[in-house]
Each structure stands twice: as structure tokens, then as C-alpha cells.
């Protein structure tokens, strides 16, 4: 479970870095801009929403349990 969440977070960071690369490269030397950065950011948002949904589903199914600081 922890590995899957870590891989998803790493994937989100990689897609964010890829969007930054597209932002820096698009429209240089008189070339028209492409929608690569927009697609990369849309993919990042999609991955983030899927990760959140997976974490909520995992909690609801009992696969993960909160282990925060005990109250009192």
C-alpha cells in the first residue's frame, strides 16, 4: 500500500516537472505553441484526484488505518 502511494506521488512530481519543461520549450524560435503543458497539467490533476480517491477507498475498505497521535 505504501509503495503504491509513494509511486503515485513520484509520478505526480514527474508530470509536474515535465509540464515545466514544456512551458520552457514551447514557443521558442518562432515555433507555434503546443498544448503539451496543458495536457501534462491535466494529467497531474487526474493523477492527484485518482490518488485521493484511492486513499479514501482504502480507508473505507479498512486496508489502511489512521495512526496519528493518541488523544488524551
Protein backbone atom coordinates (compact mmCIF):
# COMPACT_ATOMS: atom_id res chain seq x y z
CA UNK A 1 0.00 0.00 0.00
CA UNK A 2 2.77 2.43 0.97
CA UNK A 3 4.72 1.62 -2.17
CA UNK A 4 1.71 2.30 -4.40
CA UNK A 5 1.08 5.67 -2.77
CA UNK A 6 4.79 6.59 -3.00
CA UNK A 7 4.90 5.63 -6.69
CA UNK A 8 1.80 7.74 -7.36
CA UNK A 9 3.33 10.76 -5.59
CA UNK A 10 6.58 10.36 -7.52
CA UNK A 11 4.57 10.14 -10.75
CA UNK A 12 2.72 13.35 -9.89
CA UNK A 13 6.02 15.18 -9.27
CA UNK A 14 7.50 13.84 -12.54
CA UNK A 15 4.49 15.02 -14.55
CA UNK A 16 4.73 18.44 -12.86
CA UNK A 17 8.41 18.69 -13.84
CA UNK A 18 7.52 17.62 -17.37
CA UNK A 19 4.94 20.43 -17.56
CA UNK A 20 7.67 22.87 -16.51
CA UNK A 21 9.93 21.61 -19.28
CA UNK A 22 7.14 22.02 -21.82
CA UNK A 23 6.49 25.54 -20.52
CA UNK A 24 10.12 26.50 -21.08
CA UNK A 25 10.44 24.89 -24.53
CA UNK A 26 7.13 25.77 -26.23
CA UNK A 27 7.01 28.80 -28.50
CA UNK A 28 10.76 29.25 -28.89
CA UNK A 29 12.44 30.25 -32.14
CA UNK A 30 9.18 31.34 -33.78
CA UNK A 31 7.54 27.93 -33.45
CA UNK A 32 3.85 27.82 -32.55
CA UNK A 33 2.94 26.80 -29.02
CA UNK A 34 1.60 23.31 -28.48
CA UNK A 35 -0.79 22.06 -25.83
CA UNK A 36 1.80 19.80 -24.21
CA UNK A 37 2.00 21.75 -20.97
CA UNK A 38 -1.79 21.84 -20.64
CA UNK A 39 -2.03 18.08 -21.21
CA UNK A 40 0.72 17.42 -18.66
CA UNK A 41 -1.00 19.58 -16.03
CA UNK A 42 -4.35 17.90 -16.78
CA UNK A 43 -2.66 14.52 -16.28
CA UNK A 44 -1.22 15.73 -12.96
CA UNK A 45 -4.64 16.82 -11.74
CA UNK A 46 -6.13 13.49 -12.85
CA UNK A 47 -3.42 11.53 -11.03
CA UNK A 48 -3.93 13.61 -7.89
CA UNK A 49 -7.69 13.02 -7.91
CA UNK A 50 -7.22 9.29 -8.51
CA UNK A 51 -4.72 9.09 -5.64
CA UNK A 52 -7.11 10.85 -3.29
CA UNK A 53 -9.97 8.56 -4.36
CA UNK A 54 -7.76 5.50 -3.85
CA UNK A 55 -6.75 6.64 -0.35
CA UNK A 56 -10.38 7.28 0.59
CA UNK A 57 -11.44 3.89 -0.82
CA UNK A 58 -8.60 2.18 1.05
CA UNK A 59 -9.68 3.80 4.31
CA UNK A 60 -13.32 2.88 3.71
CA UNK A 61 -12.39 -0.76 2.91
CA UNK A 62 -10.18 -0.97 6.01
CA UNK A 63 -6.93 -1.51 4.13
CA UNK A 64 -5.35 1.47 5.87
CA UNK A 65 -5.98 2.81 9.35
CA UNK A 66 -5.15 6.18 10.90
CA UNK A 67 -2.22 6.01 13.34
CA UNK A 68 -1.93 9.61 14.44
CA UNK A 69 -1.15 10.95 17.88
CA UNK A 70 -3.43 9.50 20.53
CA UNK A 71 -5.85 11.96 22.12
CA UNK A 72 -5.65 12.34 25.89
